[in-house]
Amino acid sequence: DVTRVRAFHNSVIARTESVMEVLTLWGRVNSKTPAGAGEMLKGEKRA
């Protein structure tokens, strides 16, 4: 349930440029900018 997660509100998604940026706002990735191909996420997995 992500009802209260602002990152998944359509009005917020519209301001982002990628799926990775949405997930960054959600706080599930270690990132300050939208992920590139080599950017590391939590658990040492690449985007």
All heavy atoms as atom14 arrays in JSON, in Angstrom:
{
  "sequence": "DVTRVRAFHNSVIARTESVMEVLTLWGRVNSKTPAGAGEMLKGEKRA",
  "atom14_mask": [
    [1, 1, 1, 1, 1, 1, 1, 1, 0, 0, 0, 0, 0, 0],
    [1, 1, 1, 1, 1, 1, 1, 0, 0, 0, 0, 0, 0, 0],
    [1, 1, 1, 1, 1, 1, 1, 0, 0, 0, 0, 0, 0, 0],
    [1, 1, 1, 1, 1, 1, 1, 1, 1, 1, 1, 0, 0, 0],
    [1, 1, 1, 1, 1, 1, 1, 0, 0, 0, 0, 0, 0, 0],
    [1, 1, 1, 1, 1, 1, 1, 1, 1, 1, 1, 0, 0, 0],
    [1, 1, 1, 1, 1, 0, 0, 0, 0, 0, 0, 0, 0, 0],
    [1, 1, 1, 1, 1, 1, 1, 1, 1, 1, 1, 0, 0, 0],
    [1, 1, 1, 1, 1, 1, 1, 1, 1, 1, 0, 0, 0, 0],
    [1, 1, 1, 1, 1, 1, 1, 1, 0, 0, 0, 0, 0, 0],
    [1, 1, 1, 1, 1, 1, 0, 0, 0, 0, 0, 0, 0, 0],
    [1, 1, 1, 1, 1, 1, 1, 0, 0, 0, 0, 0, 0, 0],
    [1, 1, 1, 1, 1, 1, 1, 1, 0, 0, 0, 0, 0, 0],
    [1, 1, 1, 1, 1, 0, 0, 0, 0, 0, 0, 0, 0, 0],
    [1, 1, 1, 1, 1, 1, 1, 1, 1, 1, 1, 0, 0, 0],
    [1, 1, 1, 1, 1, 1, 1, 0, 0, 0, 0, 0, 0, 0],
    [1, 1, 1, 1, 1, 1, 1, 1, 1, 0, 0, 0, 0, 0],
    [1, 1, 1, 1, 1, 1, 0, 0, 0, 0, 0, 0, 0, 0],
    [1, 1, 1, 1, 1, 1, 1, 0, 0, 0, 0, 0, 0, 0],
    [1, 1, 1, 1, 1, 1, 1, 1, 0, 0, 0, 0, 0, 0],
    [1, 1, 1, 1, 1, 1, 1, 1, 1, 0, 0, 0, 0, 0],
    [1, 1, 1, 1, 1, 1, 1, 0, 0, 0, 0, 0, 0, 0],
    [1, 1, 1, 1, 1, 1, 1, 1, 0, 0, 0, 0, 0, 0],
    [1, 1, 1, 1, 1, 1, 1, 0, 0, 0, 0, 0, 0, 0],
    [1, 1, 1, 1, 1, 1, 1, 1, 0, 0, 0, 0, 0, 0],
    [1, 1, 1, 1, 1, 1, 1, 1, 1, 1, 1, 1, 1, 1],
    [1, 1, 1, 1, 0, 0, 0, 0, 0, 0, 0, 0, 0, 0],
    [1, 1, 1, 1, 1, 1, 1, 1, 1, 1, 1, 0, 0, 0],
    [1, 1, 1, 1, 1, 1, 1, 0, 0, 0, 0, 0, 0, 0],
    [1, 1, 1, 1, 1, 1, 1, 1, 0, 0, 0, 0, 0, 0],
    [1, 1, 1, 1, 1, 1, 0, 0, 0, 0, 0, 0, 0, 0],
    [1, 1, 1, 1, 1, 1, 1, 1, 1, 0, 0, 0, 0, 0],
    [1, 1, 1, 1, 1, 1, 1, 0, 0, 0, 0, 0, 0, 0],
    [1, 1, 1, 1, 1, 1, 1, 0, 0, 0, 0, 0, 0, 0],
    [1, 1, 1, 1, 1, 0, 0, 0, 0, 0, 0, 0, 0, 0],
    [1, 1, 1, 1, 0, 0, 0, 0, 0, 0, 0, 0, 0, 0],
    [1, 1, 1, 1, 1, 0, 0, 0, 0, 0, 0, 0, 0, 0],
    [1, 1, 1, 1, 0, 0, 0, 0, 0, 0, 0, 0, 0, 0],
    [1, 1, 1, 1, 1, 1, 1, 1, 1, 0, 0, 0, 0, 0],
    [1, 1, 1, 1, 1, 1, 1, 1, 0, 0, 0, 0, 0, 0],
    [1, 1, 1, 1, 1, 1, 1, 1, 0, 0, 0, 0, 0, 0],
    [1, 1, 1, 1, 1, 1, 1, 1, 1, 0, 0, 0, 0, 0],
    [1, 1, 1, 1, 0, 0, 0, 0, 0, 0, 0, 0, 0, 0],
    [1, 1, 1, 1, 1, 1, 1, 1, 1, 0, 0, 0, 0, 0],
    [1, 1, 1, 1, 1, 1, 1, 1, 1, 0, 0, 0, 0, 0],
    [1, 1, 1, 1, 1, 1, 1, 1, 1, 1, 1, 0, 0, 0],
    [1, 1, 1, 1, 1, 0, 0, 0, 0, 0, 0, 0, 0, 0]
  ],
  "atom14_positions": [
    [[0.85, -1.19, 0.0], [0.0, 0.0, 0.0], [0.88, 1.24, 0.0], [1.67, 1.47, 0.92], [-0.9, -0.01, 1.24], [-1.96, 1.09, 1.22], [-1.73, 2.14, 0.6], [-3.02, 0.89, 1.84], [0.0, 0.0, 0.0], [0.0, 0.0, 0.0], [0.0, 0.0, 0.0], [0.0, 0.0, 0.0], [0.0, 0.0, 0.0], [0.0, 0.0, 0.0]],
    [[0.76, 2.07, -1.05], [1.58, 3.28, -1.15], [0.68, 4.52, -1.24], [1.08, 5.55, -1.79], [2.53, 3.22, -2.37], [3.59, 2.14, -2.15], [1.76, 2.95, -3.67], [0.0, 0.0, 0.0], [0.0, 0.0, 0.0], [0.0, 0.0, 0.0], [0.0, 0.0, 0.0], [0.0, 0.0, 0.0], [0.0, 0.0, 0.0], [0.0, 0.0, 0.0]],
    [[-0.51, 4.43, -0.68], [-1.47, 5.52, -0.74], [-0.86, 6.82, -0.22], [-1.08, 7.89, -0.81], [-2.73, 5.19, 0.08], [-3.28, 3.95, -0.4], [-3.76, 6.28, -0.04], [0.0, 0.0, 0.0], [0.0, 0.0, 0.0], [0.0, 0.0, 0.0], [0.0, 0.0, 0.0], [0.0, 0.0, 0.0], [0.0, 0.0, 0.0], [0.0, 0.0, 0.0]],
    [[-0.11, 6.76, 0.86], [0.42, 7.97, 1.49], [1.85, 8.29, 1.06], [2.48, 9.18, 1.62], [0.36, 7.82, 3.0], [-1.07, 7.67, 3.54], [-1.1, 7.65, 5.05], [-2.45, 7.52, 5.56], [-2.77, 7.52, 6.85], [-1.81, 7.63, 7.77], [-4.03, 7.4, 7.22], [0.0, 0.0, 0.0], [0.0, 0.0, 0.0], [0.0, 0.0, 0.0]],
    [[2.36, 7.57, 0.07], [3.71, 7.83, -0.42], [3.64, 8.87, -1.53], [3.16, 8.59, -2.63], [4.37, 6.53, -0.94], [5.78, 6.82, -1.44], [4.4, 5.48, 0.16], [0.0, 0.0, 0.0], [0.0, 0.0, 0.0], [0.0, 0.0, 0.0], [0.0, 0.0, 0.0], [0.0, 0.0, 0.0], [0.0, 0.0, 0.0], [0.0, 0.0, 0.0]],
    [[4.11, 10.07, -1.26], [3.98, 11.17, -2.22], [4.69, 10.86, -3.54], [4.29, 11.35, -4.59], [4.54, 12.47, -1.62], [3.6, 13.11, -0.62], [4.14, 14.46, -0.18], [4.43, 15.34, -1.3], [3.53, 16.05, -1.96], [2.25, 15.96, -1.63], [3.88, 16.83, -2.96], [0.0, 0.0, 0.0], [0.0, 0.0, 0.0], [0.0, 0.0, 0.0]],
    [[5.75, 10.08, -3.49], [6.49, 9.76, -4.71], [5.62, 9.08, -5.76], [5.91, 9.17, -6.95], [7.69, 8.87, -4.38], [0.0, 0.0, 0.0], [0.0, 0.0, 0.0], [0.0, 0.0, 0.0], [0.0, 0.0, 0.0], [0.0, 0.0, 0.0], [0.0, 0.0, 0.0], [0.0, 0.0, 0.0], [0.0, 0.0, 0.0], [0.0, 0.0, 0.0]],
    [[4.54, 8.42, -5.33], [3.67, 7.72, -6.26], [2.39, 8.49, -6.58], [1.5, 7.96, -7.24], [3.33, 6.33, -5.73], [4.52, 5.4, -5.69], [5.04, 4.96, -4.49], [5.14, 5.01, -6.86], [6.14, 4.12, -4.46], [6.24, 4.18, -6.84], [6.74, 3.73, -5.63], [0.0, 0.0, 0.0], [0.0, 0.0, 0.0], [0.0, 0.0, 0.0]],
    [[2.3, 9.74, -6.13], [1.19, 10.59, -6.54], [1.43, 11.04, -7.98], [2.55, 11.44, -8.33], [1.06, 11.8, -5.63], [0.66, 11.45, -4.23], [0.45, 12.4, -3.25], [0.44, 10.26, -3.62], [0.1, 11.82, -2.12], [0.09, 10.51, -2.32], [0.0, 0.0, 0.0], [0.0, 0.0, 0.0], [0.0, 0.0, 0.0], [0.0, 0.0, 0.0]],
    [[0.43, 11.01, -8.81], [0.61, 11.36, -10.21], [1.16, 12.77, -10.39], [1.96, 13.02, -11.3], [-0.72, 11.22, -10.96], [-1.1, 9.78, -11.23], [-0.44, 9.08, -11.99], [-2.17, 9.33, -10.62], [0.0, 0.0, 0.0], [0.0, 0.0, 0.0], [0.0, 0.0, 0.0], [0.0, 0.0, 0.0], [0.0, 0.0, 0.0], [0.0, 0.0, 0.0]],
    [[0.74, 13.69, -9.53], [1.23, 15.07, -9.64], [2.72, 15.16, -9.35], [3.39, 16.08, -9.84], [0.45, 15.98, -8.69], [0.57, 15.53, -7.34], [0.0, 0.0, 0.0], [0.0, 0.0, 0.0], [0.0, 0.0, 0.0], [0.0, 0.0, 0.0], [0.0, 0.0, 0.0], [0.0, 0.0, 0.0], [0.0, 0.0, 0.0], [0.0, 0.0, 0.0]],
    [[3.25, 14.23, -8.57], [4.68, 14.18, -8.29], [5.41, 13.44, -9.4], [6.48, 13.86, -9.86], [4.95, 13.53, -6.92], [6.45, 13.36, -6.67], [4.32, 14.36, -5.8], [0.0, 0.0, 0.0], [0.0, 0.0, 0.0], [0.0, 0.0, 0.0], [0.0, 0.0, 0.0], [0.0, 0.0, 0.0], [0.0, 0.0, 0.0], [0.0, 0.0, 0.0]],
    [[4.85, 12.33, -9.85], [5.46, 11.57, -10.95], [5.65, 12.46, -12.17], [6.66, 12.36, -12.88], [4.59, 10.34, -11.3], [4.57, 9.35, -10.14], [5.09, 9.66, -12.57], [3.63, 8.18, -10.34], [0.0, 0.0, 0.0], [0.0, 0.0, 0.0], [0.0, 0.0, 0.0], [0.0, 0.0, 0.0], [0.0, 0.0, 0.0], [0.0, 0.0, 0.0]],
    [[4.71, 13.37, -12.41], [4.78, 14.25, -13.58], [6.02, 15.15, -13.53], [6.48, 15.63, -14.57], [3.52, 15.1, -13.68], [0.0, 0.0, 0.0], [0.0, 0.0, 0.0], [0.0, 0.0, 0.0], [0.0, 0.0, 0.0], [0.0, 0.0, 0.0], [0.0, 0.0, 0.0], [0.0, 0.0, 0.0], [0.0, 0.0, 0.0], [0.0, 0.0, 0.0]],
    [[6.55, 15.38, -12.35], [7.72, 16.25, -12.21], [9.04, 15.49, -12.35], [10.11, 16.1, -12.3], [7.7, 16.95, -10.85], [6.45, 17.77, -10.6], [6.46, 18.33, -9.19], [5.16, 18.88, -8.84], [4.83, 19.3, -7.62], [5.73, 19.22, -6.65], [3.64, 19.78, -7.38], [0.0, 0.0, 0.0], [0.0, 0.0, 0.0], [0.0, 0.0, 0.0]],
    [[8.97, 14.18, -12.51], [10.18, 13.37, -12.6], [10.44, 12.97, -14.04], [9.55, 13.03, -14.89], [10.07, 12.11, -11.74], [9.04, 11.26, -12.27], [9.72, 12.47, -10.29], [0.0, 0.0, 0.0], [0.0, 0.0, 0.0], [0.0, 0.0, 0.0], [0.0, 0.0, 0.0], [0.0, 0.0, 0.0], [0.0, 0.0, 0.0], [0.0, 0.0, 0.0]],
    [[11.66, 12.52, -14.31], [12.07, 12.19, -15.67], [12.34, 10.71, -15.88], [12.71, 10.3, -16.97], [13.33, 12.99, -16.04], [13.06, 14.47, -16.21], [12.05, 14.76, -17.32], [12.15, 14.1, -18.38], [11.18, 15.61, -17.14], [0.0, 0.0, 0.0], [0.0, 0.0, 0.0], [0.0, 0.0, 0.0], [0.0, 0.0, 0.0], [0.0, 0.0, 0.0]],
    [[12.16, 9.88, -14.84], [12.44, 8.45, -15.01], [11.83, 7.68, -13.85], [11.48, 8.24, -12.81], [13.95, 8.2, -15.05], [14.52, 8.46, -13.78], [0.0, 0.0, 0.0], [0.0, 0.0, 0.0], [0.0, 0.0, 0.0], [0.0, 0.0, 0.0], [0.0, 0.0, 0.0], [0.0, 0.0, 0.0], [0.0, 0.0, 0.0], [0.0, 0.0, 0.0]],
    [[11.72, 6.36, -14.05], [11.29, 5.48, -12.97], [12.26, 5.56, -11.81], [11.86, 5.58, -10.64], [11.19, 4.02, -13.47], [10.86, 3.09, -12.33], [10.13, 3.9, -14.56], [0.0, 0.0, 0.0], [0.0, 0.0, 0.0], [0.0, 0.0, 0.0], [0.0, 0.0, 0.0], [0.0, 0.0, 0.0], [0.0, 0.0, 0.0], [0.0, 0.0, 0.0]],
    [[13.55, 5.64, -12.12], [14.55, 5.68, -11.06], [14.41, 6.93, -10.21], [14.65, 6.91, -9.0], [15.95, 5.59, -11.66], [16.29, 4.24, -12.25], [16.0, 2.85, -11.12], [16.9, 3.38, -9.69], [0.0, 0.0, 0.0], [0.0, 0.0, 0.0], [0.0, 0.0, 0.0], [0.0, 0.0, 0.0], [0.0, 0.0, 0.0], [0.0, 0.0, 0.0]],
    [[14.02, 8.03, -10.81], [13.85, 9.26, -10.04], [12.66, 9.13, -9.08], [12.69, 9.63, -7.95], [13.66, 10.45, -10.98], [13.79, 11.79, -10.27], [13.81, 12.96, -11.24], [13.95, 12.74, -12.46], [13.68, 14.1, -10.75], [0.0, 0.0, 0.0], [0.0, 0.0, 0.0], [0.0, 0.0, 0.0], [0.0, 0.0, 0.0], [0.0, 0.0, 0.0]],
    [[11.6, 8.45, -9.54], [10.46, 8.19, -8.66], [10.9, 7.37, -7.46], [10.55, 7.67, -6.31], [9.34, 7.46, -9.43], [8.21, 7.05, -8.49], [8.8, 8.34, -10.55], [0.0, 0.0, 0.0], [0.0, 0.0, 0.0], [0.0, 0.0, 0.0], [0.0, 0.0, 0.0], [0.0, 0.0, 0.0], [0.0, 0.0, 0.0], [0.0, 0.0, 0.0]],
    [[11.68, 6.33, -7.71], [12.13, 5.46, -6.62], [13.1, 6.17, -5.7], [13.15, 5.9, -4.5], [12.77, 4.2, -7.2], [11.8, 3.32, -8.0], [12.53, 2.15, -8.62], [10.67, 2.83, -7.11], [0.0, 0.0, 0.0], [0.0, 0.0, 0.0], [0.0, 0.0, 0.0], [0.0, 0.0, 0.0], [0.0, 0.0, 0.0], [0.0, 0.0, 0.0]],
    [[13.88, 7.11, -6.24], [14.77, 7.9, -5.41], [13.95, 8.74, -4.43], [14.26, 8.82, -3.24], [15.65, 8.82, -6.28], [16.45, 8.02, -7.14], [16.56, 9.67, -5.41], [0.0, 0.0, 0.0], [0.0, 0.0, 0.0], [0.0, 0.0, 0.0], [0.0, 0.0, 0.0], [0.0, 0.0, 0.0], [0.0, 0.0, 0.0], [0.0, 0.0, 0.0]],
    [[12.87, 9.34, -4.92], [11.99, 10.12, -4.04], [11.35, 9.23, -2.99], [11.08, 9.66, -1.86], [10.9, 10.8, -4.87], [11.36, 11.92, -5.8], [10.19, 12.4, -6.64], [11.94, 13.08, -5.0], [0.0, 0.0, 0.0], [0.0, 0.0, 0.0], [0.0, 0.0, 0.0], [0.0, 0.0, 0.0], [0.0, 0.0, 0.0], [0.0, 0.0, 0.0]],
    [[11.08, 7.99, -3.35], [10.48, 7.03, -2.43], [11.46, 6.66, -1.31], [11.06, 6.23, -0.24], [10.05, 5.8, -3.21], [9.26, 4.77, -2.46], [8.47, 4.98, -1.36], [9.17, 3.38, -2.75], [7.89, 3.81, -0.96], [8.31, 2.8, -1.79], [9.72, 2.57, -3.73], [7.98, 1.45, -1.79], [9.4, 1.23, -3.73], [8.54, 0.68, -2.78]],
    [[12.74, 6.85, -1.57], [13.74, 6.54, -0.56], [14.21, 5.11, -0.58], [14.85, 4.65, 0.36], [0.0, 0.0, 0.0], [0.0, 0.0, 0.0], [0.0, 0.0, 0.0], [0.0, 0.0, 0.0], [0.0, 0.0, 0.0], [0.0, 0.0, 0.0], [0.0, 0.0, 0.0], [0.0, 0.0, 0.0], [0.0, 0.0, 0.0], [0.0, 0.0, 0.0]],
    [[13.92, 4.37, -1.68], [14.34, 2.98, -1.77], [15.68, 2.82, -2.5], [16.11, 1.71, -2.72], [13.27, 2.15, -2.47], [11.97, 2.06, -1.67], [12.18, 1.38, -0.33], [10.99, 1.35, 0.49], [10.11, 0.37, 0.5], [10.27, -0.67, -0.28], [9.06, 0.42, 1.28], [0.0, 0.0, 0.0], [0.0, 0.0, 0.0], [0.0, 0.0, 0.0]],
    [[16.27, 3.93, -2.93], [17.57, 3.85, -3.59], [18.5, 4.87, -2.96], [18.07, 5.88, -2.42], [17.47, 4.1, -5.11], [16.63, 3.06, -5.78], [16.93, 5.48, -5.4], [0.0, 0.0, 0.0], [0.0, 0.0, 0.0], [0.0, 0.0, 0.0], [0.0, 0.0, 0.0], [0.0, 0.0, 0.0], [0.0, 0.0, 0.0], [0.0, 0.0, 0.0]],
    [[19.81, 4.6, -3.0], [20.81, 5.54, -2.52], [21.22, 6.44, -3.67], [22.08, 6.1, -4.46], [22.04, 4.79, -1.99], [21.76, 4.12, -0.67], [20.99, 4.62, 0.13], [22.39, 2.97, -0.44], [0.0, 0.0, 0.0], [0.0, 0.0, 0.0], [0.0, 0.0, 0.0], [0.0, 0.0, 0.0], [0.0, 0.0, 0.0], [0.0, 0.0, 0.0]],
    [[20.58, 7.58, -3.79], [20.86, 8.42, -4.94], [20.45, 9.85, -4.66], [19.45, 10.1, -4.01], [20.11, 7.91, -6.17], [20.27, 8.78, -7.25], [0.0, 0.0, 0.0], [0.0, 0.0, 0.0], [0.0, 0.0, 0.0], [0.0, 0.0, 0.0], [0.0, 0.0, 0.0], [0.0, 0.0, 0.0], [0.0, 0.0, 0.0], [0.0, 0.0, 0.0]],
    [[21.24, 10.8, -5.16], [20.88, 12.21, -5.1], [20.4, 12.72, -6.45], [19.85, 13.8, -6.56], [22.07, 13.04, -4.63], [22.52, 12.73, -3.2], [23.69, 13.61, -2.8], [24.13, 13.29, -1.37], [25.29, 14.13, -0.96], [0.0, 0.0, 0.0], [0.0, 0.0, 0.0], [0.0, 0.0, 0.0], [0.0, 0.0, 0.0], [0.0, 0.0, 0.0]],
    [[20.62, 11.93, -7.5], [20.21, 12.28, -8.85], [19.61, 11.04, -9.5], [19.83, 9.93, -9.03], [21.4, 12.77, -9.7], [22.39, 11.74, -9.75], [22.01, 14.03, -9.08], [0.0, 0.0, 0.0], [0.0, 0.0, 0.0], [0.0, 0.0, 0.0], [0.0, 0.0, 0.0], [0.0, 0.0, 0.0], [0.0, 0.0, 0.0], [0.0, 0.0, 0.0]],
    [[18.85, 11.2, -10.6], [18.35, 10.0, -11.31], [19.47, 9.05, -11.66], [20.57, 9.46, -12.04], [17.7, 10.6, -12.56], [17.32, 11.98, -12.15], [18.4, 12.44, -11.21], [0.0, 0.0, 0.0], [0.0, 0.0, 0.0], [0.0, 0.0, 0.0], [0.0, 0.0, 0.0], [0.0, 0.0, 0.0], [0.0, 0.0, 0.0], [0.0, 0.0, 0.0]],
    [[19.21, 7.76, -11.53], [20.25, 6.76, -11.66], [20.72, 6.59, -13.09], [19.94, 6.62, -14.02], [19.75, 5.42, -11.12], [0.0, 0.0, 0.0], [0.0, 0.0, 0.0], [0.0, 0.0, 0.0], [0.0, 0.0, 0.0], [0.0, 0.0, 0.0], [0.0, 0.0, 0.0], [0.0, 0.0, 0.0], [0.0, 0.0, 0.0], [0.0, 0.0, 0.0]],
    [[22.0, 6.42, -13.24], [22.59, 6.03, -14.52], [22.84, 4.53, -14.5], [22.58, 3.85, -13.51], [0.0, 0.0, 0.0], [0.0, 0.0, 0.0], [0.0, 0.0, 0.0], [0.0, 0.0, 0.0], [0.0, 0.0, 0.0], [0.0, 0.0, 0.0], [0.0, 0.0, 0.0], [0.0, 0.0, 0.0], [0.0, 0.0, 0.0], [0.0, 0.0, 0.0]],
    [[23.36, 4.02, -15.59], [23.52, 2.57, -15.74], [24.42, 1.97, -14.66], [24.23, 0.83, -14.26], [24.08, 2.25, -17.11], [0.0, 0.0, 0.0], [0.0, 0.0, 0.0], [0.0, 0.0, 0.0], [0.0, 0.0, 0.0], [0.0, 0.0, 0.0], [0.0, 0.0, 0.0], [0.0, 0.0, 0.0], [0.0, 0.0, 0.0], [0.0, 0.0, 0.0]],
    [[25.4, 2.74, -14.18], [26.33, 2.18, -13.2], [26.07, 2.59, -11.78], [26.83, 2.23, -10.88], [0.0, 0.0, 0.0], [0.0, 0.0, 0.0], [0.0, 0.0, 0.0], [0.0, 0.0, 0.0], [0.0, 0.0, 0.0], [0.0, 0.0, 0.0], [0.0, 0.0, 0.0], [0.0, 0.0, 0.0], [0.0, 0.0, 0.0], [0.0, 0.0, 0.0]],
    [[25.0, 3.36, -11.54], [24.76, 3.86, -10.18], [24.35, 2.72, -9.25], [23.54, 1.86, -9.6], [23.66, 4.93, -10.22], [23.45, 5.57, -8.87], [22.56, 6.8, -8.99], [22.43, 7.31, -10.11], [22.01, 7.22, -7.97], [0.0, 0.0, 0.0], [0.0, 0.0, 0.0], [0.0, 0.0, 0.0], [0.0, 0.0, 0.0], [0.0, 0.0, 0.0]],
    [[24.9, 2.72, -8.04], [24.64, 1.66, -7.09], [23.4, 1.96, -6.25], [23.17, 3.09, -5.82], [25.84, 1.47, -6.17], [27.13, 1.13, -6.91], [27.0, -0.36, -7.94], [26.79, -1.59, -6.68], [0.0, 0.0, 0.0], [0.0, 0.0, 0.0], [0.0, 0.0, 0.0], [0.0, 0.0, 0.0], [0.0, 0.0, 0.0], [0.0, 0.0, 0.0]],
    [[22.57, 0.95, -6.04], [21.4, 1.06, -5.21], [21.65, 0.32, -3.9], [22.67, -0.32, -3.71], [20.19, 0.44, -5.91], [19.96, 0.88, -7.36], [18.7, 0.2, -7.89], [19.83, 2.38, -7.45], [0.0, 0.0, 0.0], [0.0, 0.0, 0.0], [0.0, 0.0, 0.0], [0.0, 0.0, 0.0], [0.0, 0.0, 0.0], [0.0, 0.0, 0.0]],
    [[20.7, 0.44, -2.98], [20.8, -0.31, -1.74], [20.91, -1.8, -2.05], [20.19, -2.31, -2.89], [19.58, -0.03, -0.87], [19.53, 1.39, -0.32], [18.3, 1.62, 0.52], [18.28, 3.04, 1.05], [17.07, 3.33, 1.84], [0.0, 0.0, 0.0], [0.0, 0.0, 0.0], [0.0, 0.0, 0.0], [0.0, 0.0, 0.0], [0.0, 0.0, 0.0]],
    [[21.79, -2.49, -1.36], [22.0, -3.89, -1.63], [23.02, -4.13, -2.72], [23.16, -5.24, -3.21], [0.0, 0.0, 0.0], [0.0, 0.0, 0.0], [0.0, 0.0, 0.0], [0.0, 0.0, 0.0], [0.0, 0.0, 0.0], [0.0, 0.0, 0.0], [0.0, 0.0, 0.0], [0.0, 0.0, 0.0], [0.0, 0.0, 0.0], [0.0, 0.0, 0.0]],
    [[23.73, -3.06, -3.13], [24.79, -3.14, -4.13], [24.28, -3.7, -5.46], [24.94, -4.52, -6.1], [25.96, -3.97, -3.61], [26.61, -3.35, -2.38], [27.85, -4.12, -1.95], [28.08, -5.21, -2.49], [28.56, -3.62, -1.08], [0.0, 0.0, 0.0], [0.0, 0.0, 0.0], [0.0, 0.0, 0.0], [0.0, 0.0, 0.0], [0.0, 0.0, 0.0]],
    [[23.12, -3.26, -5.87], [22.58, -3.63, -7.19], [22.61, -2.4, -8.07], [22.33, -1.29, -7.64], [21.17, -4.17, -7.07], [21.07, -5.52, -6.37], [19.64, -5.99, -6.34], [19.54, -7.41, -5.83], [20.07, -7.58, -4.48], [0.0, 0.0, 0.0], [0.0, 0.0, 0.0], [0.0, 0.0, 0.0], [0.0, 0.0, 0.0], [0.0, 0.0, 0.0]],
    [[22.94, -2.59, -9.36], [22.98, -1.48, -10.29], [21.58, -1.16, -10.81], [20.73, -2.03, -10.9], [23.89, -1.8, -11.48], [25.35, -2.0, -11.11], [26.17, -2.19, -12.37], [25.59, -3.24, -13.21], [25.42, -3.14, -14.53], [25.79, -2.04, -15.15], [24.91, -4.12, -15.23], [0.0, 0.0, 0.0], [0.0, 0.0, 0.0], [0.0, 0.0, 0.0]],
    [[21.35, 0.11, -11.15], [20.06, 0.5, -11.72], [19.77, -0.3, -12.98], [18.64, -0.72, -13.24], [20.07, 2.0, -12.04], [0.0, 0.0, 0.0], [0.0, 0.0, 0.0], [0.0, 0.0, 0.0], [0.0, 0.0, 0.0], [0.0, 0.0, 0.0], [0.0, 0.0, 0.0], [0.0, 0.0, 0.0], [0.0, 0.0, 0.0], [0.0, 0.0, 0.0]]
  ]
}
